[in-house]
Full PDB file with SEQRES, HELIX, SHEET, SSBOND, CRYST1, ORIGX, SCALE, CONECT and MASTER records, all heavy atoms in Angstrom:
SEQRES   1 A   45  LYS PRO ASN ASN PRO PRO LYS LYS PRO ARG LYS GLY HIS          
SEQRES   2 A   45  GLY ARG ASN GLY ALA SER ALA TYR THR GLY ALA LYS LYS          
SEQRES   3 A   45  VAL VAL VAL SER HIS GLU SER LEU LYS HIS GLY ASP PRO          
SEQRES   4 A   45  CYS LEU GLU CYS ILE ASN                                      
HELIX    1 AA1 ALA A   18  ALA A   20  5                                   3    
CRYST1    1.000    1.000    1.000  90.00  90.00  90.00 P 1           1          
ORIGX1      1.000000  0.000000  0.000000        0.00000                         
ORIGX2      0.000000  1.000000  0.000000        0.00000                         
ORIGX3      0.000000  0.000000  1.000000        0.00000                         
SCALE1      1.000000  0.000000  0.000000        0.00000                         
SCALE2      0.000000  1.000000  0.000000        0.00000                         
SCALE3      0.000000  0.000000  1.000000        0.00000                         
ATOM      1  N   LYS A   1     -28.094   0.035 -14.371  1.00  0.00           N  
ATOM      2  CA  LYS A   1     -26.761   0.818 -14.431  1.00  0.00           C  
ATOM      3  C   LYS A   1     -26.344   0.870 -15.865  1.00  0.00           C  
ATOM      4  O   LYS A   1     -26.394   0.076 -16.553  1.00  0.00           O  
ATOM      5  CB  LYS A   1     -25.743   0.164 -13.592  1.00  0.00           C  
ATOM      6  CG  LYS A   1     -26.033   0.157 -12.093  1.00  0.00           C  
ATOM      7  CD  LYS A   1     -25.120  -0.361 -11.127  1.00  0.00           C  
ATOM      8  CE  LYS A   1     -25.363  -0.375  -9.728  1.00  0.00           C  
ATOM      9  NZ  LYS A   1     -24.338  -0.930  -8.962  1.00  0.00           N  
ATOM     10  N   PRO A   2     -25.715   2.073 -16.390  1.00  0.00           N  
ATOM     11  CA  PRO A   2     -25.274   2.186 -17.652  1.00  0.00           C  
ATOM     12  C   PRO A   2     -24.048   1.147 -17.865  1.00  0.00           C  
ATOM     13  O   PRO A   2     -23.325   0.814 -16.936  1.00  0.00           O  
ATOM     14  CB  PRO A   2     -24.662   3.556 -17.704  1.00  0.00           C  
ATOM     15  CG  PRO A   2     -25.453   4.269 -16.604  1.00  0.00           C  
ATOM     16  CD  PRO A   2     -25.691   3.235 -15.515  1.00  0.00           C  
ATOM     17  N   ASN A   3     -24.001   0.705 -19.180  1.00  0.00           N  
ATOM     18  CA  ASN A   3     -22.960  -0.322 -19.453  1.00  0.00           C  
ATOM     19  C   ASN A   3     -21.750   0.454 -20.060  1.00  0.00           C  
ATOM     20  O   ASN A   3     -21.203  -0.138 -20.999  1.00  0.00           O  
ATOM     21  CB  ASN A   3     -23.590  -1.373 -20.414  1.00  0.00           C  
ATOM     22  CG  ASN A   3     -22.617  -2.435 -20.673  1.00  0.00           C  
ATOM     23  OD1 ASN A   3     -21.722  -2.767 -19.877  1.00  0.00           O  
ATOM     24  ND2 ASN A   3     -22.823  -3.194 -21.763  1.00  0.00           N  
ATOM     25  N   ASN A   4     -21.389   1.545 -19.470  1.00  0.00           N  
ATOM     26  CA  ASN A   4     -20.162   2.324 -19.950  1.00  0.00           C  
ATOM     27  C   ASN A   4     -19.084   2.083 -19.053  1.00  0.00           C  
ATOM     28  O   ASN A   4     -19.196   2.166 -17.786  1.00  0.00           O  
ATOM     29  CB  ASN A   4     -20.578   3.765 -19.972  1.00  0.00           C  
ATOM     30  CG  ASN A   4     -21.582   4.048 -21.143  1.00  0.00           C  
ATOM     31  OD1 ASN A   4     -21.822   3.371 -22.079  1.00  0.00           O  
ATOM     32  ND2 ASN A   4     -22.395   5.126 -20.782  1.00  0.00           N  
ATOM     33  N   PRO A   5     -17.820   1.982 -19.626  1.00  0.00           N  
ATOM     34  CA  PRO A   5     -16.589   1.775 -18.549  1.00  0.00           C  
ATOM     35  C   PRO A   5     -16.369   3.043 -17.912  1.00  0.00           C  
ATOM     36  O   PRO A   5     -16.616   4.105 -18.394  1.00  0.00           O  
ATOM     37  CB  PRO A   5     -15.539   1.398 -19.664  1.00  0.00           C  
ATOM     38  CG  PRO A   5     -15.955   2.076 -20.980  1.00  0.00           C  
ATOM     39  CD  PRO A   5     -17.360   1.920 -21.078  1.00  0.00           C  
ATOM     40  N   PRO A   6     -15.836   2.970 -16.712  1.00  0.00           N  
ATOM     41  CA  PRO A   6     -15.524   4.211 -15.920  1.00  0.00           C  
ATOM     42  C   PRO A   6     -14.499   5.015 -16.604  1.00  0.00           C  
ATOM     43  O   PRO A   6     -13.565   4.556 -17.218  1.00  0.00           O  
ATOM     44  CB  PRO A   6     -15.083   3.636 -14.621  1.00  0.00           C  
ATOM     45  CG  PRO A   6     -14.594   2.281 -14.792  1.00  0.00           C  
ATOM     46  CD  PRO A   6     -15.496   1.689 -16.106  1.00  0.00           C  
ATOM     47  N   LYS A   7     -14.715   6.294 -16.472  1.00  0.00           N  
ATOM     48  CA  LYS A   7     -13.780   7.265 -17.096  1.00  0.00           C  
ATOM     49  C   LYS A   7     -12.466   7.274 -16.257  1.00  0.00           C  
ATOM     50  O   LYS A   7     -12.505   7.255 -15.076  1.00  0.00           O  
ATOM     51  CB  LYS A   7     -14.320   8.608 -17.088  1.00  0.00           C  
ATOM     52  CG  LYS A   7     -15.496   8.754 -18.142  1.00  0.00           C  
ATOM     53  CD  LYS A   7     -16.080  10.187 -18.193  1.00  0.00           C  
ATOM     54  CE  LYS A   7     -17.255  10.376 -19.198  1.00  0.00           C  
ATOM     55  NZ  LYS A   7     -17.609  11.711 -19.213  1.00  0.00           N  
ATOM     56  N   LYS A   8     -11.294   7.378 -16.944  1.00  0.00           N  
ATOM     57  CA  LYS A   8     -10.087   7.476 -16.223  1.00  0.00           C  
ATOM     58  C   LYS A   8      -9.870   8.928 -15.772  1.00  0.00           C  
ATOM     59  O   LYS A   8     -10.177   9.854 -16.453  1.00  0.00           O  
ATOM     60  CB  LYS A   8      -8.814   7.133 -17.169  1.00  0.00           C  
ATOM     61  CG  LYS A   8      -8.967   5.685 -17.701  1.00  0.00           C  
ATOM     62  CD  LYS A   8      -7.678   5.394 -18.463  1.00  0.00           C  
ATOM     63  CE  LYS A   8      -7.753   3.918 -18.989  1.00  0.00           C  
ATOM     64  NZ  LYS A   8      -6.494   3.558 -19.836  1.00  0.00           N  
ATOM     65  N   PRO A   9      -9.424   9.055 -14.462  1.00  0.00           N  
ATOM     66  CA  PRO A   9      -9.210  10.430 -13.980  1.00  0.00           C  
ATOM     67  C   PRO A   9      -8.219  11.136 -14.751  1.00  0.00           C  
ATOM     68  O   PRO A   9      -7.205  10.516 -15.136  1.00  0.00           O  
ATOM     69  CB  PRO A   9      -8.794  10.165 -12.577  1.00  0.00           C  
ATOM     70  CG  PRO A   9      -8.332   8.766 -12.464  1.00  0.00           C  
ATOM     71  CD  PRO A   9      -9.097   7.994 -13.591  1.00  0.00           C  
ATOM     72  N   ARG A  10      -8.276  12.470 -14.896  1.00  0.00           N  
ATOM     73  CA  ARG A  10      -7.339  13.216 -15.572  1.00  0.00           C  
ATOM     74  C   ARG A  10      -6.041  13.352 -14.742  1.00  0.00           C  
ATOM     75  O   ARG A  10      -6.055  13.247 -13.443  1.00  0.00           O  
ATOM     76  CB  ARG A  10      -7.816  14.628 -15.963  1.00  0.00           C  
ATOM     77  CG  ARG A  10      -8.869  14.581 -16.899  1.00  0.00           C  
ATOM     78  CD  ARG A  10      -9.405  16.044 -17.213  1.00  0.00           C  
ATOM     79  NE  ARG A  10      -9.912  16.737 -16.012  1.00  0.00           N  
ATOM     80  CZ  ARG A  10     -10.203  17.942 -15.866  1.00  0.00           C  
ATOM     81  NH1 ARG A  10      -9.956  18.824 -16.856  1.00  0.00           N  
ATOM     82  NH2 ARG A  10     -10.826  18.495 -14.802  1.00  0.00           N  
ATOM     83  N   LYS A  11      -4.862  13.564 -15.360  1.00  0.00           N  
ATOM     84  CA  LYS A  11      -3.598  13.602 -14.619  1.00  0.00           C  
ATOM     85  C   LYS A  11      -3.641  14.934 -13.903  1.00  0.00           C  
ATOM     86  O   LYS A  11      -4.127  15.955 -14.277  1.00  0.00           O  
ATOM     87  CB  LYS A  11      -2.479  13.567 -15.669  1.00  0.00           C  
ATOM     88  CG  LYS A  11      -2.252  12.227 -16.243  1.00  0.00           C  
ATOM     89  CD  LYS A  11      -0.944  12.410 -17.281  1.00  0.00           C  
ATOM     90  CE  LYS A  11      -0.788  11.028 -17.858  1.00  0.00           C  
ATOM     91  NZ  LYS A  11       0.450  11.090 -18.778  1.00  0.00           N  
ATOM     92  N   GLY A  12      -3.015  14.774 -12.676  1.00  0.00           N  
ATOM     93  CA  GLY A  12      -2.939  16.015 -11.782  1.00  0.00           C  
ATOM     94  C   GLY A  12      -4.077  16.128 -10.845  1.00  0.00           C  
ATOM     95  O   GLY A  12      -4.234  17.062 -10.148  1.00  0.00           O  
ATOM     96  N   HIS A  13      -5.024  15.156 -10.863  1.00  0.00           N  
ATOM     97  CA  HIS A  13      -6.119  15.156 -10.016  1.00  0.00           C  
ATOM     98  C   HIS A  13      -6.116  13.930  -9.147  1.00  0.00           C  
ATOM     99  O   HIS A  13      -5.671  12.842  -9.637  1.00  0.00           O  
ATOM    100  CB  HIS A  13      -7.476  15.145 -10.802  1.00  0.00           C  
ATOM    101  CG  HIS A  13      -7.674  16.507 -11.647  1.00  0.00           C  
ATOM    102  ND1 HIS A  13      -6.980  16.762 -12.693  1.00  0.00           N  
ATOM    103  CD2 HIS A  13      -8.520  17.515 -11.426  1.00  0.00           C  
ATOM    104  CE1 HIS A  13      -7.301  17.857 -13.128  1.00  0.00           C  
ATOM    105  NE2 HIS A  13      -8.183  18.341 -12.444  1.00  0.00           N  
ATOM    106  N   GLY A  14      -6.546  14.020  -8.001  1.00  0.00           N  
ATOM    107  CA  GLY A  14      -6.562  12.942  -6.914  1.00  0.00           C  
ATOM    108  C   GLY A  14      -5.526  13.024  -5.948  1.00  0.00           C  
ATOM    109  O   GLY A  14      -4.802  14.046  -5.870  1.00  0.00           O  
ATOM    110  N   ARG A  15      -5.430  12.064  -5.116  1.00  0.00           N  
ATOM    111  CA  ARG A  15      -4.509  12.038  -3.984  1.00  0.00           C  
ATOM    112  C   ARG A  15      -3.123  11.683  -4.398  1.00  0.00           C  
ATOM    113  O   ARG A  15      -2.872  11.001  -5.281  1.00  0.00           O  
ATOM    114  CB  ARG A  15      -4.986  11.180  -2.931  1.00  0.00           C  
ATOM    115  CG  ARG A  15      -6.340  11.397  -2.366  1.00  0.00           C  
ATOM    116  CD  ARG A  15      -6.904  10.299  -1.536  1.00  0.00           C  
ATOM    117  NE  ARG A  15      -6.014  10.150  -0.303  1.00  0.00           N  
ATOM    118  CZ  ARG A  15      -6.338   9.408   0.663  1.00  0.00           C  
ATOM    119  NH1 ARG A  15      -7.234   8.459   0.597  1.00  0.00           N  
ATOM    120  NH2 ARG A  15      -5.516   9.327   1.762  1.00  0.00           N  
ATOM    121  N   ASN A  16      -2.101  12.232  -3.676  1.00  0.00           N  
ATOM    122  CA  ASN A  16      -0.737  11.906  -3.885  1.00  0.00           C  
ATOM    123  C   ASN A  16      -0.340  10.547  -3.192  1.00  0.00           C  
ATOM    124  O   ASN A  16      -0.778  10.398  -2.002  1.00  0.00           O  
ATOM    125  CB  ASN A  16       0.112  13.025  -3.410  1.00  0.00           C  
ATOM    126  CG  ASN A  16       0.119  14.286  -4.183  1.00  0.00           C  
ATOM    127  OD1 ASN A  16       0.035  14.185  -5.393  1.00  0.00           O  
ATOM    128  ND2 ASN A  16       0.084  15.423  -3.603  1.00  0.00           N  
ATOM    129  N   GLY A  17       0.265   9.709  -3.918  1.00  0.00           N  
ATOM    130  CA  GLY A  17       0.684   8.502  -3.223  1.00  0.00           C  
ATOM    131  C   GLY A  17       1.942   8.732  -2.384  1.00  0.00           C  
ATOM    132  O   GLY A  17       2.559   9.815  -2.413  1.00  0.00           O  
ATOM    133  N   ALA A  18       2.258   7.696  -1.728  1.00  0.00           N  
ATOM    134  CA  ALA A  18       3.452   7.798  -0.808  1.00  0.00           C  
ATOM    135  C   ALA A  18       4.792   8.039  -1.527  1.00  0.00           C  
ATOM    136  O   ALA A  18       5.693   8.697  -1.091  1.00  0.00           O  
ATOM    137  CB  ALA A  18       3.531   6.513   0.023  1.00  0.00           C  
ATOM    138  N   SER A  19       4.882   7.624  -2.882  1.00  0.00           N  
ATOM    139  CA  SER A  19       6.054   7.729  -3.572  1.00  0.00           C  
ATOM    140  C   SER A  19       6.337   9.164  -3.921  1.00  0.00           C  
ATOM    141  O   SER A  19       7.279   9.642  -4.281  1.00  0.00           O  
ATOM    142  CB  SER A  19       6.013   6.959  -4.775  1.00  0.00           C  
ATOM    143  OG  SER A  19       4.796   7.329  -5.680  1.00  0.00           O  
ATOM    144  N   ALA A  20       5.181  10.069  -3.885  1.00  0.00           N  
ATOM    145  CA  ALA A  20       5.370  11.490  -4.251  1.00  0.00           C  
ATOM    146  C   ALA A  20       6.155  12.234  -3.086  1.00  0.00           C  
ATOM    147  O   ALA A  20       6.681  13.369  -3.415  1.00  0.00           O  
ATOM    148  CB  ALA A  20       3.988  12.127  -4.377  1.00  0.00           C  
ATOM    149  N   TYR A  21       6.138  11.709  -1.966  1.00  0.00           N  
ATOM    150  CA  TYR A  21       6.830  12.414  -0.804  1.00  0.00           C  
ATOM    151  C   TYR A  21       8.214  12.102  -0.716  1.00  0.00           C  
ATOM    152  O   TYR A  21       8.657  11.262   0.254  1.00  0.00           O  
ATOM    153  CB  TYR A  21       6.065  12.098   0.481  1.00  0.00           C  
ATOM    154  CG  TYR A  21       4.660  12.590   0.570  1.00  0.00           C  
ATOM    155  CD1 TYR A  21       3.532  11.712   0.034  1.00  0.00           C  
ATOM    156  CD2 TYR A  21       4.276  13.830   0.990  1.00  0.00           C  
ATOM    157  CE1 TYR A  21       2.337  12.155   0.022  1.00  0.00           C  
ATOM    158  CE2 TYR A  21       2.887  14.268   0.936  1.00  0.00           C  
ATOM    159  CZ  TYR A  21       1.927  13.397   0.409  1.00  0.00           C  
ATOM    160  OH  TYR A  21       0.603  13.863   0.470  1.00  0.00           O  
ATOM    161  N   THR A  22       9.051  12.494  -1.607  1.00  0.00           N  
ATOM    162  CA  THR A  22      10.408  12.170  -1.709  1.00  0.00           C  
ATOM    163  C   THR A  22      11.278  12.786  -0.523  1.00  0.00           C  
ATOM    164  O   THR A  22      12.307  12.270  -0.302  1.00  0.00           O  
ATOM    165  CB  THR A  22      10.980  12.520  -3.091  1.00  0.00           C  
ATOM    166  OG1 THR A  22      10.835  13.883  -3.299  1.00  0.00           O  
ATOM    167  CG2 THR A  22      10.337  11.748  -4.212  1.00  0.00           C  
ATOM    168  N   GLY A  23      10.840  13.918  -0.055  1.00  0.00           N  
ATOM    169  CA  GLY A  23      11.629  14.656   0.968  1.00  0.00           C  
ATOM    170  C   GLY A  23      11.081  14.347   2.290  1.00  0.00           C  
ATOM    171  O   GLY A  23      11.572  14.836   3.256  1.00  0.00           O  
ATOM    172  N   ALA A  24      10.119  13.369   2.551  1.00  0.00           N  
ATOM    173  CA  ALA A  24       9.582  13.019   3.844  1.00  0.00           C  
ATOM    174  C   ALA A  24      10.519  12.124   4.548  1.00  0.00           C  
ATOM    175  O   ALA A  24      11.131  11.263   3.863  1.00  0.00           O  
ATOM    176  CB  ALA A  24       8.218  12.336   3.632  1.00  0.00           C  
ATOM    177  N   LYS A  25      10.504  12.139   5.933  1.00  0.00           N  
ATOM    178  CA  LYS A  25      11.259  11.229   6.707  1.00  0.00           C  
ATOM    179  C   LYS A  25      10.663   9.909   6.755  1.00  0.00           C  
ATOM    180  O   LYS A  25       9.422   9.800   6.850  1.00  0.00           O  
ATOM    181  CB  LYS A  25      11.430  11.850   8.089  1.00  0.00           C  
ATOM    182  CG  LYS A  25      12.152  11.010   9.105  1.00  0.00           C  
ATOM    183  CD  LYS A  25      12.190  11.562  10.470  1.00  0.00           C  
ATOM    184  CE  LYS A  25      12.911  10.713  11.425  1.00  0.00           C  
ATOM    185  NZ  LYS A  25      12.847  11.269  12.882  1.00  0.00           N  
ATOM    186  N   LYS A  26      11.415   8.836   6.484  1.00  0.00           N  
ATOM    187  CA  LYS A  26      10.838   7.533   6.448  1.00  0.00           C  
ATOM    188  C   LYS A  26      11.180   6.775   7.725  1.00  0.00           C  
ATOM    189  O   LYS A  26      12.326   6.742   8.259  1.00  0.00           O  
ATOM    190  CB  LYS A  26      11.452   6.788   5.317  1.00  0.00           C  
ATOM    191  CG  LYS A  26      10.921   7.216   3.907  1.00  0.00           C  
ATOM    192  CD  LYS A  26      11.515   6.458   2.826  1.00  0.00           C  
ATOM    193  CE  LYS A  26      10.821   6.717   1.475  1.00  0.00           C  
ATOM    194  NZ  LYS A  26      10.956   8.160   1.160  1.00  0.00           N  
ATOM    195  N   VAL A  27      10.158   6.161   8.314  1.00  0.00           N  
ATOM    196  CA  VAL A  27      10.385   5.382   9.603  1.00  0.00           C  
ATOM    197  C   VAL A  27       9.786   3.968   9.237  1.00  0.00           C  
ATOM    198  O   VAL A  27       8.682   3.833   8.747  1.00  0.00           O  
ATOM    199  CB  VAL A  27       9.454   6.048  10.739  1.00  0.00           C  
ATOM    200  CG1 VAL A  27       9.554   5.088  11.875  1.00  0.00           C  
ATOM    201  CG2 VAL A  27       9.692   7.417  11.068  1.00  0.00           C  
ATOM    202  N   VAL A  28      10.678   2.956   9.552  1.00  0.00           N  
ATOM    203  CA  VAL A  28      10.401   1.651   9.248  1.00  0.00           C  
ATOM    204  C   VAL A  28       9.848   0.966  10.590  1.00  0.00           C  
ATOM    205  O   VAL A  28      10.483   1.049  11.593  1.00  0.00           O  
ATOM    206  CB  VAL A  28      11.614   0.802   8.846  1.00  0.00           C  
ATOM    207  CG1 VAL A  28      11.301  -0.779   8.621  1.00  0.00           C  
ATOM    208  CG2 VAL A  28      12.258   1.440   7.527  1.00  0.00           C  
ATOM    209  N   VAL A  29       8.622   0.523  10.475  1.00  0.00           N  
ATOM    210  CA  VAL A  29       7.974  -0.128  11.625  1.00  0.00           C  
ATOM    211  C   VAL A  29       7.927  -1.678  11.492  1.00  0.00           C  
ATOM    212  O   VAL A  29       7.344  -2.232  10.527  1.00  0.00           O  
ATOM    213  CB  VAL A  29       6.432   0.446  11.801  1.00  0.00           C  
ATOM    214  CG1 VAL A  29       5.811  -0.260  13.119  1.00  0.00           C  
ATOM    215  CG2 VAL A  29       6.501   1.909  11.933  1.00  0.00           C  
ATOM    216  N   SER A  30       8.724  -2.355  12.309  1.00  0.00           N  
ATOM    217  CA  SER A  30       8.700  -3.864  12.247  1.00  0.00           C  
ATOM    218  C   SER A  30       7.495  -4.381  12.928  1.00  0.00           C  
ATOM    219  O   SER A  30       6.826  -3.861  13.711  1.00  0.00           O  
ATOM    220  CB  SER A  30      10.085  -4.382  12.917  1.00  0.00           C  
ATOM    221  OG  SER A  30      11.175  -3.744  12.498  1.00  0.00           O  
ATOM    222  N   HIS A  31       7.178  -5.592  12.485  1.00  0.00           N  
ATOM    223  CA  HIS A  31       6.131  -6.364  12.952  1.00  0.00           C  
ATOM    224  C   HIS A  31       6.360  -6.621  14.544  1.00  0.00           C  
ATOM    225  O   HIS A  31       7.444  -6.981  14.913  1.00  0.00           O  
ATOM    226  CB  HIS A  31       5.864  -7.740  12.290  1.00  0.00           C  
ATOM    227  CG  HIS A  31       4.439  -8.232  12.483  1.00  0.00           C  
ATOM    228  ND1 HIS A  31       4.227  -9.117  13.601  1.00  0.00           N  
ATOM    229  CD2 HIS A  31       3.338  -8.143  11.760  1.00  0.00           C  
ATOM    230  CE1 HIS A  31       2.900  -9.391  13.502  1.00  0.00           C  
ATOM    231  NE2 HIS A  31       2.378  -8.894  12.476  1.00  0.00           N  
ATOM    232  N   GLU A  32       5.170  -6.518  15.315  1.00  0.00           N  
ATOM    233  CA  GLU A  32       5.462  -6.706  16.730  1.00  0.00           C  
ATOM    234  C   GLU A  32       5.789  -8.103  17.186  1.00  0.00           C  
ATOM    235  O   GLU A  32       6.444  -8.313  18.285  1.00  0.00           O  
ATOM    236  CB  GLU A  32       4.265  -6.216  17.491  1.00  0.00           C  
ATOM    237  CG  GLU A  32       2.909  -6.953  17.204  1.00  0.00           C  
ATOM    238  CD  GLU A  32       2.228  -6.348  15.952  1.00  0.00           C  
ATOM    239  OE1 GLU A  32       2.894  -5.538  15.234  1.00  0.00           O  
ATOM    240  OE2 GLU A  32       1.108  -6.851  15.616  1.00  0.00           O  
ATOM    241  N   SER A  33       5.422  -9.125  16.464  1.00  0.00           N  
ATOM    242  CA  SER A  33       5.585 -10.480  16.866  1.00  0.00           C  
ATOM    243  C   SER A  33       6.276 -11.391  15.872  1.00  0.00           C  
ATOM    244  O   SER A  33       6.700 -12.493  16.281  1.00  0.00           O  
ATOM    245  CB  SER A  33       4.309 -11.069  17.265  1.00  0.00           C  
ATOM    246  OG  SER A  33       3.405 -11.226  16.245  1.00  0.00           O  
ATOM    247  N   LEU A  34       6.387 -10.977  14.641  1.00  0.00           N  
ATOM    248  CA  LEU A  34       6.946 -11.780  13.474  1.00  0.00           C  
ATOM    249  C   LEU A  34       8.106 -11.188  12.851  1.00  0.00           C  
ATOM    250  O   LEU A  34       8.183  -9.898  12.888  1.00  0.00           O  
ATOM    251  CB  LEU A  34       5.896 -12.156  12.477  1.00  0.00           C  
ATOM    252  CG  LEU A  34       4.719 -13.018  12.764  1.00  0.00           C  
ATOM    253  CD1 LEU A  34       3.720 -13.020  11.678  1.00  0.00           C  
ATOM    254  CD2 LEU A  34       5.171 -14.384  13.183  1.00  0.00           C  
ATOM    255  N   LYS A  35       9.104 -12.008  12.432  1.00  0.00           N  
ATOM    256  CA  LYS A  35      10.163 -11.502  11.661  1.00  0.00           C  
ATOM    257  C   LYS A  35      10.361 -12.378  10.493  1.00  0.00           C  
ATOM    258  O   LYS A  35       9.738 -13.577  10.406  1.00  0.00           O  
ATOM    259  CB  LYS A  35      11.463 -11.392  12.656  1.00  0.00           C  
ATOM    260  CG  LYS A  35      11.890 -12.755  13.082  1.00  0.00           C  
ATOM    261  CD  LYS A  35      13.222 -12.519  13.923  1.00  0.00           C  
ATOM    262  CE  LYS A  35      13.763 -13.869  14.575  1.00  0.00           C  
ATOM    263  NZ  LYS A  35      12.960 -14.468  15.461  1.00  0.00           N  
ATOM    264  N   HIS A  36      11.178 -12.086   9.543  1.00  0.00           N  
ATOM    265  CA  HIS A  36      11.427 -12.719   8.381  1.00  0.00           C  
ATOM    266  C   HIS A  36      11.884 -14.217   8.612  1.00  0.00           C  
ATOM    267  O   HIS A  36      12.931 -14.465   9.266  1.00  0.00           O  
ATOM    268  CB  HIS A  36      12.567 -11.986   7.636  1.00  0.00           C  
ATOM    269  CG  HIS A  36      12.724 -12.492   6.235  1.00  0.00           C  
ATOM    270  ND1 HIS A  36      11.987 -12.366   5.070  1.00  0.00           N  
ATOM    271  CD2 HIS A  36      13.661 -13.398   5.693  1.00  0.00           C  
ATOM    272  CE1 HIS A  36      12.371 -12.965   4.080  1.00  0.00           C  
ATOM    273  NE2 HIS A  36      13.445 -13.571   4.346  1.00  0.00           N  
ATOM    274  N   GLY A  37      11.063 -15.126   8.038  1.00  0.00           N  
ATOM    275  CA  GLY A  37      11.550 -16.604   8.256  1.00  0.00           C  
ATOM    276  C   GLY A  37      10.833 -17.215   9.351  1.00  0.00           C  
ATOM    277  O   GLY A  37      10.978 -18.475   9.472  1.00  0.00           O  
ATOM    278  N   ASP A  38       9.940 -16.595  10.127  1.00  0.00           N  
ATOM    279  CA  ASP A  38       9.262 -17.122  11.203  1.00  0.00           C  
ATOM    280  C   ASP A  38       8.088 -18.099  10.733  1.00  0.00           C  
ATOM    281  O   ASP A  38       7.514 -17.808   9.672  1.00  0.00           O  
ATOM    282  CB  ASP A  38       8.690 -16.131  12.162  1.00  0.00           C  
ATOM    283  CG  ASP A  38       9.723 -15.537  13.125  1.00  0.00           C  
ATOM    284  OD1 ASP A  38      10.872 -16.032  13.065  1.00  0.00           O  
ATOM    285  OD2 ASP A  38       9.505 -14.642  13.929  1.00  0.00           O  
ATOM    286  N   PRO A  39       7.612 -19.124  11.542  1.00  0.00           N  
ATOM    287  CA  PRO A  39       6.552 -19.896  11.171  1.00  0.00           C  
ATOM    288  C   PRO A  39       5.233 -19.068  11.050  1.00  0.00           C  
ATOM    289  O   PRO A  39       5.061 -18.090  11.837  1.00  0.00           O  
ATOM    290  CB  PRO A  39       6.384 -20.960  12.229  1.00  0.00           C  
ATOM    291  CG  PRO A  39       7.860 -20.990  12.913  1.00  0.00           C  
ATOM    292  CD  PRO A  39       8.368 -19.526  12.687  1.00  0.00           C  
ATOM    293  N   CYS A  40       4.333 -19.428  10.226  1.00  0.00           N  
ATOM    294  CA  CYS A  40       3.070 -18.757  10.125  1.00  0.00           C  
ATOM    295  C   CYS A  40       2.225 -19.049  11.374  1.00  0.00           C  
ATOM    296  O   CYS A  40       2.048 -20.146  11.815  1.00  0.00           O  
ATOM    297  CB  CYS A  40       2.450 -19.212   8.901  1.00  0.00           C  
ATOM    298  SG  CYS A  40       0.822 -18.518   8.534  1.00  0.00           S  
ATOM    299  N   LEU A  41       1.521 -18.030  11.680  1.00  0.00           N  
ATOM    300  CA  LEU A  41       0.668 -18.135  12.885  1.00  0.00           C  
ATOM    301  C   LEU A  41      -0.672 -18.753  12.652  1.00  0.00           C  
ATOM    302  O   LEU A  41      -1.395 -19.228  13.531  1.00  0.00           O  
ATOM    303  CB  LEU A  41       0.420 -16.763  13.601  1.00  0.00           C  
ATOM    304  CG  LEU A  41       1.601 -15.968  14.104  1.00  0.00           C  
ATOM    305  CD1 LEU A  41       1.236 -14.747  14.590  1.00  0.00           C  
ATOM    306  CD2 LEU A  41       2.294 -16.859  15.188  1.00  0.00           C  
ATOM    307  N   GLU A  42      -1.051 -18.824  11.320  1.00  0.00           N  
ATOM    308  CA  GLU A  42      -2.340 -19.347  10.889  1.00  0.00           C  
ATOM    309  C   GLU A  42      -2.194 -20.888  10.611  1.00  0.00           C  
ATOM    310  O   GLU A  42      -2.930 -21.672  11.124  1.00  0.00           O  
ATOM    311  CB  GLU A  42      -2.871 -18.671   9.712  1.00  0.00           C  
ATOM    312  CG  GLU A  42      -3.346 -17.253  10.094  1.00  0.00           C  
ATOM    313  CD  GLU A  42      -4.530 -17.178  11.002  1.00  0.00           C  
ATOM    314  OE1 GLU A  42      -5.289 -18.135  10.918  1.00  0.00           O  
ATOM    315  OE2 GLU A  42      -4.591 -16.230  11.711  1.00  0.00           O  
ATOM    316  N   CYS A  43      -1.428 -21.201   9.605  1.00  0.00           N  
ATOM    317  CA  CYS A  43      -1.251 -22.524   9.153  1.00  0.00           C  
ATOM    318  C   CYS A  43      -0.128 -23.282   9.780  1.00  0.00           C  
ATOM    319  O   CYS A  43       0.020 -24.512   9.669  1.00  0.00           O  
ATOM    320  CB  CYS A  43      -1.090 -22.631   7.581  1.00  0.00           C  
ATOM    321  SG  CYS A  43       0.514 -21.950   7.022  1.00  0.00           S  
ATOM    322  N   ILE A  44       0.785 -22.801  10.535  1.00  0.00           N  
ATOM    323  CA  ILE A  44       1.769 -23.413  11.330  1.00  0.00           C  
ATOM    324  C   ILE A  44       2.949 -23.989  10.538  1.00  0.00           C  
ATOM    325  O   ILE A  44       4.055 -23.721  10.671  1.00  0.00           O  
ATOM    326  CB  ILE A  44       1.338 -24.405  12.296  1.00  0.00           C  
ATOM    327  CG1 ILE A  44       0.272 -23.794  13.321  1.00  0.00           C  
ATOM    328  CG2 ILE A  44       2.401 -25.172  13.147  1.00  0.00           C  
ATOM    329  CD1 ILE A  44      -0.407 -24.732  14.156  1.00  0.00           C  
ATOM    330  N   ASN A  45       2.584 -24.643   9.452  1.00  0.00           N  
ATOM    331  CA  ASN A  45       3.592 -25.273   8.627  1.00  0.00           C  
ATOM    332  C   ASN A  45       4.306 -24.321   7.698  1.00  0.00           C  
ATOM    333  O   ASN A  45       5.497 -24.688   7.329  1.00  0.00           O  
ATOM    334  CB  ASN A  45       2.883 -26.377   7.787  1.00  0.00           C  
ATOM    335  CG  ASN A  45       2.385 -27.501   8.589  1.00  0.00           C  
ATOM    336  OD1 ASN A  45       2.885 -27.872   9.760  1.00  0.00           O  
ATOM    337  ND2 ASN A  45       1.226 -28.062   8.195  1.00  0.00           N  
TER     338      ASN A  45                                                      
MASTER        0    0    0    1    0    0    0    6  337    1    0    4          
END                                                                             
């Protein structure tokens, strides 16, 4: 494989991130079984 660093994509090319959709309706989806401050399901402590 060539030892050249990957080229950076030019501006204006590629997919739009979620921050680009300023006019979109936002829906907050809460976790189905955990809430802020609950014990961890993996390590328990």
